[in-house]
Amino acid sequence: MKKTILLILAILGWLTLIIRLYLRITEFDFSALESTIQFFSYFTILTNVLVTIYCTKQLLKKEEDKPSLFTKAETLTALTAFILIVGIVYHIALKPIWNPEGLTMILSEIHHTVVPLGALILWGLSVKTDVVALKILLKWLLYPIIYITFVLIRGSFSDFYPYPFLDVNALGIQSVLVNSFFLLVIMIVLLFIFYFLGNLVRKKLVTD
């Protein structure tokens, strides 16, 4: 079951990322370089890339391989939390104002619905055996912090902000910083929930 989900997420991940990048480059009036940079400026895309790499690494790893970033239990827990944030924010804040059609709609639903649910199932199958260190888990907060910093710095030069709630031109830097703060708080809360939930499940298995 676990290997099947890993395989499905890896295949879907690479296919959708390649197709969406191609569409981004060919459908917008920007250079290939600018289109590519904008494409990877979305937290959705970056997090889907990380989930896809994780699944691929898990499928290819061997018993004799040394532990790496994408084989650690903390990585799956963190990525599950982040990809769920991607899905939640999309369905609550973005989907009502963006109505893609055809292939774009299918690819978007894969990235915002199918992959988050798949990652959650994968985490549920792994939580019984995976021991997570809170200190290492919280280090993953550097990922969204670096991401937001990059978006704001680059946006000040390019005027491109991937999400309405990060658009400094429309909202002002103060509102964007407040939005970013609340997003980080939600991420921290979700990381703690997954951490304590995982410990609870493992303790229950030990006592049963």
N, C-alpha and C. Protein backbone atom coordinates (compact mmCIF):
# COMPACT_ATOMS: atom_id res chain seq x y z
N MET A 1 0.83 -1.21 0.00
CA MET A 1 0.00 0.00 0.00
C MET A 1 0.87 1.26 0.00
N LYS A 2 1.85 1.30 0.92
CA LYS A 2 2.72 2.47 1.02
C LYS A 2 3.52 2.67 -0.25
N LYS A 3 4.06 1.60 -0.80
CA LYS A 3 4.87 1.70 -2.01
C LYS A 3 4.01 2.15 -3.19
N THR A 4 2.78 1.69 -3.22
CA THR A 4 1.86 2.07 -4.30
C THR A 4 1.59 3.57 -4.27
N ILE A 5 1.35 4.10 -3.08
CA ILE A 5 1.09 5.55 -2.94
C ILE A 5 2.33 6.35 -3.32
N LEU A 6 3.49 5.88 -2.88
CA LEU A 6 4.74 6.54 -3.26
C LEU A 6 4.90 6.59 -4.77
N LEU A 7 4.60 5.48 -5.43
CA LEU A 7 4.74 5.40 -6.88
C LEU A 7 3.75 6.33 -7.58
N ILE A 8 2.51 6.33 -7.12
CA ILE A 8 1.48 7.20 -7.71
C ILE A 8 1.86 8.67 -7.56
N LEU A 9 2.27 9.05 -6.35
CA LEU A 9 2.63 10.45 -6.10
C LEU A 9 3.86 10.86 -6.89
N ALA A 10 4.82 9.96 -7.04
CA ALA A 10 6.03 10.27 -7.80
C ALA A 10 5.70 10.47 -9.28
N ILE A 11 4.92 9.57 -9.84
CA ILE A 11 4.56 9.67 -11.26
C ILE A 11 3.71 10.92 -11.52
N LEU A 12 2.67 11.10 -10.70
CA LEU A 12 1.81 12.28 -10.84
C LEU A 12 2.63 13.56 -10.66
N GLY A 13 3.52 13.53 -9.68
CA GLY A 13 4.33 14.70 -9.38
C GLY A 13 5.16 15.15 -10.56
N TRP A 14 5.96 14.24 -11.11
CA TRP A 14 6.84 14.62 -12.21
C TRP A 14 6.05 15.01 -13.46
N LEU A 15 4.99 14.26 -13.77
CA LEU A 15 4.19 14.57 -14.96
C LEU A 15 3.54 15.95 -14.87
N THR A 16 2.88 16.21 -13.74
CA THR A 16 2.18 17.49 -13.60
C THR A 16 3.14 18.67 -13.56
N LEU A 17 4.28 18.50 -12.91
CA LEU A 17 5.26 19.58 -12.85
C LEU A 17 5.82 19.91 -14.23
N ILE A 18 6.14 18.88 -14.99
CA ILE A 18 6.69 19.09 -16.33
C ILE A 18 5.66 19.76 -17.24
N ILE A 19 4.42 19.27 -17.19
CA ILE A 19 3.37 19.83 -18.04
C ILE A 19 3.06 21.27 -17.65
N ARG A 20 2.96 21.54 -16.35
CA ARG A 20 2.65 22.90 -15.91
C ARG A 20 3.77 23.88 -16.25
N LEU A 21 5.01 23.43 -16.15
CA LEU A 21 6.13 24.29 -16.52
C LEU A 21 6.09 24.59 -18.01
N TYR A 22 5.80 23.58 -18.82
CA TYR A 22 5.69 23.77 -20.27
C TYR A 22 4.59 24.78 -20.60
N LEU A 23 3.44 24.63 -19.96
CA LEU A 23 2.32 25.55 -20.19
C LEU A 23 2.68 26.97 -19.76
N ARG A 24 3.39 27.07 -18.65
CA ARG A 24 3.79 28.40 -18.16
C ARG A 24 4.70 29.11 -19.16
N ILE A 25 5.63 28.35 -19.72
CA ILE A 25 6.59 28.93 -20.66
C ILE A 25 5.92 29.32 -21.98
N THR A 26 4.98 28.49 -22.45
CA THR A 26 4.40 28.69 -23.78
C THR A 26 3.17 29.60 -23.79
N GLU A 27 2.50 29.77 -22.65
CA GLU A 27 1.24 30.52 -22.64
C GLU A 27 1.38 31.95 -22.16
N PHE A 28 2.54 32.33 -21.61
CA PHE A 28 2.70 33.68 -21.09
C PHE A 28 3.74 34.45 -21.91
N ASP A 29 3.55 35.77 -21.97
CA ASP A 29 4.44 36.62 -22.77
C ASP A 29 5.67 37.04 -21.98
N PHE A 30 6.36 36.07 -21.45
CA PHE A 30 7.63 36.31 -20.76
C PHE A 30 8.69 35.43 -21.42
N SER A 31 9.94 35.73 -21.13
CA SER A 31 11.01 34.87 -21.62
C SER A 31 10.92 33.53 -20.90
N ALA A 32 11.57 32.52 -21.48
CA ALA A 32 11.56 31.19 -20.87
C ALA A 32 12.16 31.24 -19.47
N LEU A 33 13.20 32.06 -19.31
CA LEU A 33 13.85 32.18 -18.00
C LEU A 33 12.92 32.81 -16.98
N GLU A 34 12.29 33.92 -17.35
CA GLU A 34 11.38 34.61 -16.43
C GLU A 34 10.17 33.73 -16.09
N SER A 35 9.63 33.04 -17.09
CA SER A 35 8.50 32.15 -16.86
C SER A 35 8.88 31.02 -15.89
N THR A 36 10.09 30.51 -16.05
CA THR A 36 10.56 29.44 -15.17
C THR A 36 10.74 29.94 -13.74
N ILE A 37 11.33 31.13 -13.61
CA ILE A 37 11.52 31.71 -12.27
C ILE A 37 10.17 31.95 -11.60
N GLN A 38 9.22 32.50 -12.36
CA GLN A 38 7.88 32.73 -11.81
C GLN A 38 7.21 31.42 -11.42
N PHE A 39 7.39 30.41 -12.24
CA PHE A 39 6.79 29.10 -11.98
C PHE A 39 7.26 28.56 -10.63
N PHE A 40 8.56 28.66 -10.39
CA PHE A 40 9.12 28.14 -9.14
C PHE A 40 9.05 29.15 -8.00
N SER A 41 8.34 30.25 -8.23
CA SER A 41 8.11 31.22 -7.16
C SER A 41 6.83 30.90 -6.38
N TYR A 42 6.11 29.88 -6.82
CA TYR A 42 4.88 29.48 -6.12
C TYR A 42 5.20 28.44 -5.05
N PHE A 43 4.70 28.68 -3.84
CA PHE A 43 4.90 27.73 -2.75
C PHE A 43 4.28 26.39 -3.10
N THR A 44 3.17 26.43 -3.83
CA THR A 44 2.52 25.20 -4.30
C THR A 44 3.48 24.35 -5.12
N ILE A 45 4.12 24.97 -6.08
CA ILE A 45 5.02 24.25 -6.97
C ILE A 45 6.23 23.71 -6.21
N LEU A 46 6.86 24.57 -5.41
CA LEU A 46 8.05 24.15 -4.66
C LEU A 46 7.73 22.99 -3.72
N THR A 47 6.60 23.06 -3.04
CA THR A 47 6.24 22.00 -2.09
C THR A 47 5.90 20.71 -2.81
N ASN A 48 5.24 20.83 -3.96
CA ASN A 48 4.98 19.63 -4.77
C ASN A 48 6.27 19.02 -5.29
N VAL A 49 7.24 19.87 -5.63
CA VAL A 49 8.55 19.37 -6.05
C VAL A 49 9.19 18.56 -4.91
N LEU A 50 9.15 19.11 -3.70
CA LEU A 50 9.76 18.43 -2.55
C LEU A 50 9.06 17.11 -2.25
N VAL A 51 7.74 17.09 -2.32
CA VAL A 51 6.99 15.85 -2.10
C VAL A 51 7.35 14.82 -3.16
N THR A 52 7.46 15.27 -4.40
CA THR A 52 7.81 14.37 -5.50
C THR A 52 9.21 13.80 -5.33
N ILE A 53 10.16 14.65 -4.95
CA ILE A 53 11.53 14.18 -4.72
C ILE A 53 11.55 13.18 -3.56
N TYR A 54 10.81 13.49 -2.49
CA TYR A 54 10.75 12.58 -1.34
C TYR A 54 10.24 11.20 -1.77
N CYS A 55 9.14 11.17 -2.50
CA CYS A 55 8.55 9.90 -2.93
C CYS A 55 9.50 9.14 -3.84
N THR A 56 10.15 9.86 -4.75
CA THR A 56 11.10 9.23 -5.66
C THR A 56 12.28 8.64 -4.90
N LYS A 57 12.80 9.41 -3.95
CA LYS A 57 13.93 8.96 -3.13
C LYS A 57 13.56 7.73 -2.32
N GLN A 58 12.35 7.71 -1.78
CA GLN A 58 11.90 6.56 -1.01
C GLN A 58 11.80 5.30 -1.86
N LEU A 59 11.35 5.47 -3.10
CA LEU A 59 11.23 4.32 -4.01
C LEU A 59 12.59 3.77 -4.42
N LEU A 60 13.58 4.66 -4.52
CA LEU A 60 14.90 4.26 -5.03
C LEU A 60 15.90 3.87 -3.93
N LYS A 61 15.58 4.18 -2.68
CA LYS A 61 16.55 3.94 -1.61
C LYS A 61 16.78 2.45 -1.37
N LYS A 62 17.99 2.13 -0.93
CA LYS A 62 18.36 0.76 -0.59
C LYS A 62 18.73 0.69 0.88
N GLU A 63 18.70 -0.50 1.42
CA GLU A 63 18.97 -0.67 2.85
C GLU A 63 20.35 -0.17 3.24
N GLU A 64 21.30 -0.31 2.33
CA GLU A 64 22.68 0.09 2.66
C GLU A 64 22.93 1.58 2.48
N ASP A 65 21.94 2.32 1.96
CA ASP A 65 22.11 3.76 1.76
C ASP A 65 22.20 4.49 3.10
N LYS A 66 23.04 5.52 3.12
CA LYS A 66 23.15 6.34 4.33
C LYS A 66 21.93 7.25 4.44
N PRO A 67 21.53 7.60 5.67
CA PRO A 67 20.38 8.49 5.86
C PRO A 67 20.61 9.84 5.17
N SER A 68 19.58 10.37 4.58
CA SER A 68 19.67 11.68 3.91
C SER A 68 18.42 12.48 4.23
N LEU A 69 18.39 13.72 3.77
CA LEU A 69 17.27 14.60 4.06
C LEU A 69 15.94 13.99 3.66
N PHE A 70 15.92 13.33 2.50
CA PHE A 70 14.67 12.81 1.98
C PHE A 70 14.38 11.36 2.40
N THR A 71 15.09 10.89 3.40
CA THR A 71 14.76 9.58 3.97
C THR A 71 14.42 9.70 5.45
N LYS A 72 14.49 10.91 5.99
CA LYS A 72 14.21 11.12 7.41
C LYS A 72 12.71 11.23 7.67
N ALA A 73 12.31 10.75 8.85
CA ALA A 73 10.89 10.80 9.23
C ALA A 73 10.40 12.24 9.35
N GLU A 74 11.27 13.13 9.82
CA GLU A 74 10.89 14.53 9.97
C GLU A 74 10.51 15.17 8.63
N THR A 75 11.14 14.71 7.57
CA THR A 75 10.88 15.27 6.25
C THR A 75 9.45 14.99 5.81
N LEU A 76 9.00 13.76 5.97
CA LEU A 76 7.63 13.41 5.59
C LEU A 76 6.63 14.19 6.43
N THR A 77 6.88 14.30 7.73
CA THR A 77 5.96 15.03 8.61
C THR A 77 5.87 16.50 8.20
N ALA A 78 7.02 17.13 7.97
CA ALA A 78 7.05 18.54 7.58
C ALA A 78 6.37 18.75 6.23
N LEU A 79 6.71 17.92 5.26
CA LEU A 79 6.13 18.08 3.93
C LEU A 79 4.63 17.84 3.93
N THR A 80 4.17 16.91 4.76
CA THR A 80 2.73 16.67 4.87
C THR A 80 2.03 17.91 5.41
N ALA A 81 2.61 18.52 6.43
CA ALA A 81 2.04 19.75 6.99
C ALA A 81 2.01 20.87 5.95
N PHE A 82 3.11 21.04 5.24
CA PHE A 82 3.20 22.14 4.27
C PHE A 82 2.27 21.93 3.08
N ILE A 83 2.19 20.69 2.59
CA ILE A 83 1.34 20.43 1.43
C ILE A 83 -0.14 20.53 1.80
N LEU A 84 -0.47 20.24 3.06
CA LEU A 84 -1.84 20.44 3.52
C LEU A 84 -2.18 21.93 3.59
N ILE A 85 -1.21 22.74 4.00
CA ILE A 85 -1.39 24.19 3.99
C ILE A 85 -1.66 24.67 2.57
N VAL A 86 -0.91 24.11 1.62
CA VAL A 86 -1.12 24.44 0.21
C VAL A 86 -2.57 24.17 -0.19
N GLY A 87 -3.07 23.00 0.15
CA GLY A 87 -4.44 22.64 -0.20
C GLY A 87 -5.47 23.50 0.51
N ILE A 88 -5.27 23.72 1.79
CA ILE A 88 -6.23 24.50 2.58
C ILE A 88 -6.31 25.94 2.09
N VAL A 89 -5.16 26.59 1.91
CA VAL A 89 -5.14 27.98 1.45
C VAL A 89 -5.77 28.10 0.06
N TYR A 90 -5.47 27.13 -0.80
CA TYR A 90 -6.03 27.17 -2.15
C TYR A 90 -7.55 27.09 -2.13
N HIS A 91 -8.07 26.10 -1.41
CA HIS A 91 -9.53 25.89 -1.43
C HIS A 91 -10.29 26.98 -0.68
N ILE A 92 -9.66 27.59 0.32
CA ILE A 92 -10.35 28.64 1.08
C ILE A 92 -10.17 30.02 0.46
N ALA A 93 -8.94 30.36 0.09
CA ALA A 93 -8.65 31.74 -0.32
C ALA A 93 -8.49 31.95 -1.83
N LEU A 94 -7.99 30.95 -2.54
CA LEU A 94 -7.62 31.17 -3.94
C LEU A 94 -8.64 30.62 -4.95
N LYS A 95 -9.17 29.45 -4.67
CA LYS A 95 -10.10 28.83 -5.63
C LYS A 95 -11.32 29.70 -5.92
N PRO A 96 -11.88 30.40 -4.91
CA PRO A 96 -13.05 31.25 -5.20
C PRO A 96 -12.76 32.39 -6.17
N ILE A 97 -11.49 32.80 -6.31
CA ILE A 97 -11.17 33.91 -7.20
C ILE A 97 -10.41 33.45 -8.46
N TRP A 98 -10.21 32.16 -8.60
CA TRP A 98 -9.49 31.64 -9.77
C TRP A 98 -10.19 30.38 -10.27
N ASN A 99 -10.67 30.43 -11.48
CA ASN A 99 -11.45 29.30 -12.02
C ASN A 99 -10.79 28.74 -13.28
N PRO A 100 -9.76 27.90 -13.11
CA PRO A 100 -9.10 27.31 -14.28
C PRO A 100 -10.03 26.30 -14.97
N GLU A 101 -9.76 26.06 -16.24
CA GLU A 101 -10.56 25.12 -17.01
C GLU A 101 -9.67 24.11 -17.71
N GLY A 102 -10.27 23.01 -18.14
CA GLY A 102 -9.58 22.01 -18.93
C GLY A 102 -8.39 21.39 -18.23
N LEU A 103 -7.28 21.28 -18.97
CA LEU A 103 -6.06 20.65 -18.45
C LEU A 103 -5.51 21.40 -17.24
N THR A 104 -5.57 22.72 -17.30
CA THR A 104 -5.06 23.52 -16.18
C THR A 104 -5.81 23.20 -14.89
N MET A 105 -7.12 23.02 -14.99
CA MET A 105 -7.93 22.69 -13.82
C MET A 105 -7.54 21.33 -13.26
N ILE A 106 -7.32 20.35 -14.14
CA ILE A 106 -6.94 19.00 -13.71
C ILE A 106 -5.59 19.03 -13.00
N LEU A 107 -4.63 19.71 -13.60
CA LEU A 107 -3.29 19.79 -13.01
C LEU A 107 -3.33 20.52 -11.66
N SER A 108 -4.15 21.56 -11.60
CA SER A 108 -4.28 22.32 -10.36
C SER A 108 -4.88 21.47 -9.25
N GLU A 109 -5.89 20.68 -9.58
CA GLU A 109 -6.52 19.83 -8.57
C GLU A 109 -5.56 18.74 -8.08
N ILE A 110 -4.74 18.25 -8.98
CA ILE A 110 -3.74 17.27 -8.57
C ILE A 110 -2.80 17.87 -7.54
N HIS A 111 -2.31 19.07 -7.81
CA HIS A 111 -1.35 19.73 -6.92
C HIS A 111 -1.97 20.20 -5.61
N HIS A 112 -3.25 20.60 -5.67
CA HIS A 112 -3.87 21.19 -4.48
C HIS A 112 -4.78 20.23 -3.70
N THR A 113 -5.14 19.10 -4.31
CA THR A 113 -6.06 18.18 -3.64
C THR A 113 -5.51 16.76 -3.57
N VAL A 114 -5.15 16.21 -4.73
CA VAL A 114 -4.72 14.82 -4.78
C VAL A 114 -3.41 14.60 -4.02
N VAL A 115 -2.41 15.43 -4.28
CA VAL A 115 -1.12 15.28 -3.61
C VAL A 115 -1.22 15.51 -2.10
N PRO A 116 -1.91 16.56 -1.62
CA PRO A 116 -2.07 16.72 -0.17
C PRO A 116 -2.73 15.52 0.49
N LEU A 117 -3.80 14.99 -0.11
CA LEU A 117 -4.47 13.83 0.46
C LEU A 117 -3.57 12.60 0.40
N GLY A 118 -2.83 12.45 -0.69
CA GLY A 118 -1.91 11.33 -0.82
C GLY A 118 -0.81 11.38 0.22
N ALA A 119 -0.27 12.59 0.46
CA ALA A 119 0.78 12.77 1.47
C ALA A 119 0.25 12.46 2.86
N LEU A 120 -0.99 12.87 3.12
CA LEU A 120 -1.60 12.61 4.43
C LEU A 120 -1.78 11.11 4.66
N ILE A 121 -2.21 10.40 3.64
CA ILE A 121 -2.35 8.94 3.74
C ILE A 121 -0.99 8.30 3.96
N LEU A 122 0.00 8.78 3.23
CA LEU A 122 1.36 8.26 3.36
C LEU A 122 1.89 8.47 4.77
N TRP A 123 1.64 9.66 5.32
CA TRP A 123 2.06 9.94 6.70
C TRP A 123 1.35 9.00 7.67
N GLY A 124 0.06 8.77 7.44
CA GLY A 124 -0.71 7.88 8.30
C GLY A 124 -0.18 6.45 8.29
N LEU A 125 0.33 6.02 7.16
CA LEU A 125 0.89 4.67 7.04
C LEU A 125 2.28 4.58 7.66
N SER A 126 2.96 5.72 7.75
CA SER A 126 4.34 5.73 8.24
C SER A 126 4.47 6.07 9.71
N VAL A 127 3.45 6.72 10.26
CA VAL A 127 3.54 7.27 11.61
C VAL A 127 3.74 6.19 12.68
N LYS A 128 3.30 4.97 12.41
CA LYS A 128 3.41 3.91 13.41
C LYS A 128 4.86 3.54 13.70
N THR A 129 5.73 3.73 12.73
CA THR A 129 7.13 3.32 12.90
C THR A 129 8.10 4.49 12.91
N ASP A 130 7.70 5.62 12.38
CA ASP A 130 8.61 6.76 12.27
C ASP A 130 8.69 7.54 13.58
N VAL A 131 9.89 7.64 14.14
CA VAL A 131 10.12 8.45 15.34
C VAL A 131 10.63 9.82 14.90
N VAL A 132 9.92 10.85 15.30
CA VAL A 132 10.24 12.21 14.84
C VAL A 132 10.86 13.03 15.96
N ALA A 133 11.98 13.67 15.66
CA ALA A 133 12.63 14.57 16.61
C ALA A 133 12.10 15.98 16.41
N LEU A 134 11.52 16.56 17.45
CA LEU A 134 10.89 17.87 17.33
C LEU A 134 11.88 18.94 16.89
N LYS A 135 13.09 18.89 17.41
CA LYS A 135 14.10 19.90 17.08
C LYS A 135 14.40 19.90 15.58
N ILE A 136 14.51 18.71 15.01
CA ILE A 136 14.78 18.61 13.57
C ILE A 136 13.55 19.03 12.77
N LEU A 137 12.39 18.66 13.26
CA LEU A 137 11.14 19.00 12.57
C LEU A 137 10.97 20.51 12.45
N LEU A 138 11.24 21.22 13.54
CA LEU A 138 11.06 22.67 13.56
C LEU A 138 12.07 23.40 12.66
N LYS A 139 13.19 22.75 12.36
CA LYS A 139 14.16 23.35 11.44
C LYS A 139 13.56 23.53 10.05
N TRP A 140 12.53 22.75 9.74
CA TRP A 140 11.88 22.86 8.44
C TRP A 140 11.16 24.20 8.27
N LEU A 141 10.96 24.94 9.37
CA LEU A 141 10.34 26.26 9.26
C LEU A 141 11.22 27.24 8.48
N LEU A 142 12.50 26.90 8.36
CA LEU A 142 13.39 27.72 7.53
C LEU A 142 12.91 27.75 6.08
N TYR A 143 12.27 26.68 5.65
CA TYR A 143 11.80 26.60 4.26
C TYR A 143 10.78 27.70 3.95
N PRO A 144 9.66 27.81 4.69
CA PRO A 144 8.73 28.91 4.37
C PRO A 144 9.29 30.29 4.66
N ILE A 145 10.17 30.41 5.66
CA ILE A 145 10.77 31.71 5.97
C ILE A 145 11.65 32.18 4.82
N ILE A 146 12.48 31.27 4.31
CA ILE A 146 13.33 31.60 3.16
C ILE A 146 12.48 31.89 1.93
N TYR A 147 11.41 31.11 1.75
CA TYR A 147 10.52 31.31 0.61
C TYR A 147 9.91 32.70 0.63
N ILE A 148 9.33 33.10 1.75
CA ILE A 148 8.68 34.40 1.86
C ILE A 148 9.70 35.52 1.65
N THR A 149 10.87 35.36 2.23
CA THR A 149 11.93 36.35 2.07
C THR A 149 12.30 36.51 0.59
N PHE A 150 12.44 35.39 -0.10
CA PHE A 150 12.77 35.42 -1.53
C PHE A 150 11.69 36.13 -2.33
N VAL A 151 10.43 35.80 -2.08
CA VAL A 151 9.31 36.39 -2.82
C VAL A 151 9.28 37.90 -2.63
N LEU A 152 9.47 38.35 -1.40
CA LEU A 152 9.40 39.79 -1.12
C LEU A 152 10.58 40.54 -1.73
N ILE A 153 11.76 39.95 -1.64
CA ILE A 153 12.94 40.62 -2.21
C ILE A 153 12.83 40.67 -3.73
N ARG A 154 12.52 39.53 -4.34
CA ARG A 154 12.42 39.52 -5.80
C ARG A 154 11.25 40.37 -6.29
N GLY A 155 10.15 40.35 -5.55
CA GLY A 155 8.99 41.15 -5.93
C GLY A 155 9.28 42.63 -5.94
N SER A 156 10.19 43.07 -5.07
CA SER A 156 10.53 44.49 -5.02
C SER A 156 11.26 44.93 -6.29
N PHE A 157 11.86 43.97 -7.00
CA PHE A 157 12.55 44.29 -8.26
C PHE A 157 11.69 43.98 -9.49
N SER A 158 10.92 42.89 -9.41
CA SER A 158 10.18 42.42 -10.58
C SER A 158 8.70 42.80 -10.58
N ASP A 159 8.18 43.20 -9.42
CA ASP A 159 6.75 43.48 -9.25
C ASP A 159 5.90 42.23 -9.44
N PHE A 160 6.51 41.05 -9.34
CA PHE A 160 5.74 39.80 -9.44
C PHE A 160 5.62 39.17 -8.06
N TYR A 161 4.37 39.03 -7.63
CA TYR A 161 4.07 38.36 -6.36
C TYR A 161 3.11 37.21 -6.67
N PRO A 162 3.49 35.97 -6.35
CA PRO A 162 2.71 34.81 -6.78
C PRO A 162 1.32 34.68 -6.16
N TYR A 163 1.11 35.31 -5.01
CA TYR A 163 -0.19 35.18 -4.32
C TYR A 163 -0.72 36.56 -3.92
N PRO A 164 -2.03 36.75 -3.96
CA PRO A 164 -2.62 38.05 -3.59
C PRO A 164 -2.26 38.49 -2.17
N PHE A 165 -2.17 37.54 -1.25
CA PHE A 165 -1.87 37.90 0.15
C PHE A 165 -0.40 38.23 0.38
N LEU A 166 0.43 38.09 -0.66
CA LEU A 166 1.83 38.48 -0.58
C LEU A 166 2.15 39.67 -1.50
N ASP A 167 1.12 40.24 -2.08
CA ASP A 167 1.30 41.33 -3.04
C ASP A 167 1.52 42.65 -2.31
N VAL A 168 2.75 43.06 -2.21
CA VAL A 168 3.10 44.29 -1.51
C VAL A 168 2.51 45.52 -2.22
N ASN A 169 2.47 45.48 -3.54
CA ASN A 169 1.94 46.62 -4.29
C ASN A 169 0.47 46.87 -3.97
N ALA A 170 -0.29 45.80 -3.78
CA ALA A 170 -1.72 45.93 -3.53
C ALA A 170 -2.05 46.13 -2.06
N LEU A 171 -1.30 45.47 -1.17
CA LEU A 171 -1.64 45.47 0.25
C LEU A 171 -0.74 46.33 1.12
N GLY A 172 0.48 46.55 0.65
CA GLY A 172 1.44 47.24 1.49
C GLY A 172 2.27 46.23 2.28
N ILE A 173 3.49 46.60 2.60
CA ILE A 173 4.41 45.67 3.25
C ILE A 173 3.92 45.24 4.62
N GLN A 174 3.26 46.14 5.37
CA GLN A 174 2.81 45.80 6.71
C GLN A 174 1.77 44.68 6.68
N SER A 175 0.79 44.81 5.79
CA SER A 175 -0.25 43.78 5.68
C SER A 175 0.33 42.45 5.22
N VAL A 176 1.28 42.50 4.30
CA VAL A 176 1.91 41.28 3.80
C VAL A 176 2.69 40.59 4.92
N LEU A 177 3.39 41.37 5.73
CA LEU A 177 4.15 40.79 6.85
C LEU A 177 3.20 40.17 7.88
N VAL A 178 2.06 40.80 8.10
CA VAL A 178 1.06 40.23 9.02
C VAL A 178 0.51 38.91 8.45
N ASN A 179 0.19 38.91 7.16
CA ASN A 179 -0.28 37.69 6.51
C ASN A 179 0.75 36.57 6.61
N SER A 180 2.01 36.92 6.38
CA SER A 180 3.10 35.95 6.44
C SER A 180 3.25 35.39 7.85
N PHE A 181 3.13 36.28 8.83
CA PHE A 181 3.24 35.86 10.23
C PHE A 181 2.16 34.84 10.58
N PHE A 182 0.92 35.13 10.19
CA PHE A 182 -0.16 34.21 10.52
C PHE A 182 -0.02 32.87 9.79
N LEU A 183 0.49 32.91 8.56
CA LEU A 183 0.75 31.66 7.83
C LEU A 183 1.80 30.81 8.55
N LEU A 184 2.85 31.46 9.03
CA LEU A 184 3.90 30.76 9.76
C LEU A 184 3.36 30.18 11.07
N VAL A 185 2.49 30.92 11.74
CA VAL A 185 1.88 30.43 12.97
C VAL A 185 1.06 29.17 12.69
N ILE A 186 0.28 29.21 11.62
CA ILE A 186 -0.53 28.05 11.24
C ILE A 186 0.37 26.85 10.94
N MET A 187 1.47 27.10 10.27
CA MET A 187 2.41 26.02 9.96
C MET A 187 3.02 25.43 11.23
N ILE A 188 3.39 26.30 12.17
CA ILE A 188 3.96 25.83 13.44
C ILE A 188 2.94 24.98 14.19
N VAL A 189 1.70 25.46 14.25
CA VAL A 189 0.64 24.71 14.93
C VAL A 189 0.45 23.35 14.29
N LEU A 190 0.44 23.31 12.97
CA LEU A 190 0.22 22.05 12.25
C LEU A 190 1.39 21.09 12.47
N LEU A 191 2.60 21.61 12.50
CA LEU A 191 3.77 20.77 12.77
C LEU A 191 3.68 20.14 14.16
N PHE A 192 3.27 20.93 15.14
CA PHE A 192 3.11 20.41 16.50
C PHE A 192 1.99 19.37 16.57
N ILE A 193 0.91 19.62 15.85
CA ILE A 193 -0.20 18.65 15.83
C ILE A 193 0.27 17.31 15.29
N PHE A 194 0.99 17.35 14.17
CA PHE A 194 1.49 16.10 13.58
C PHE A 194 2.49 15.42 14.51
N TYR A 195 3.32 16.22 15.16
CA TYR A 195 4.32 15.65 16.08
C TYR A 195 3.65 14.94 17.25
N PHE A 196 2.74 15.61 17.92
CA PHE A 196 2.08 15.02 19.08
C PHE A 196 1.14 13.88 18.68
N LEU A 197 0.50 14.00 17.53
CA LEU A 197 -0.38 12.94 17.04
C LEU A 197 0.43 11.68 16.75
N GLY A 198 1.61 11.86 16.16
CA GLY A 198 2.47 10.73 15.87
C GLY A 198 2.93 10.04 17.14
N ASN A 199 3.33 10.82 18.13
CA ASN A 199 3.75 10.24 19.41
C ASN A 199 2.60 9.50 20.09
N LEU A 200 1.40 10.06 19.99
CA LEU A 200 0.22 9.44 20.60
C LEU A 200 -0.07 8.08 19.97
N VAL A 201 0.03 8.02 18.65
CA VAL A 201 -0.23 6.77 17.94
C VAL A 201 0.80 5.70 18.33
N ARG A 202 2.06 6.09 18.39
CA ARG A 202 3.11 5.12 18.72
C ARG A 202 3.01 4.65 20.17
N LYS A 203 2.65 5.55 21.09
CA LYS A 203 2.50 5.17 22.48
C LYS A 203 1.34 4.20 22.66
N LYS A 204 0.27 4.45 21.91
CA LYS A 204 -0.91 3.57 21.97
C LYS A 204 -0.56 2.18 21.48
N LEU A 205 0.24 2.10 20.43
CA LEU A 205 0.65 0.79 19.90
C LEU A 205 1.51 0.04 20.89
N VAL A 206 2.35 0.77 21.63
CA VAL A 206 3.23 0.14 22.61
C VAL A 206 2.43 -0.41 23.79
N THR A 207 1.41 0.34 24.22
CA THR A 207 0.63 -0.07 25.40
C THR A 207 -0.41 -1.13 25.09
N ASP A 208 -0.83 -1.21 23.82
CA ASP A 208 -1.85 -2.21 23.44
C ASP A 208 -1.30 -3.64 23.49
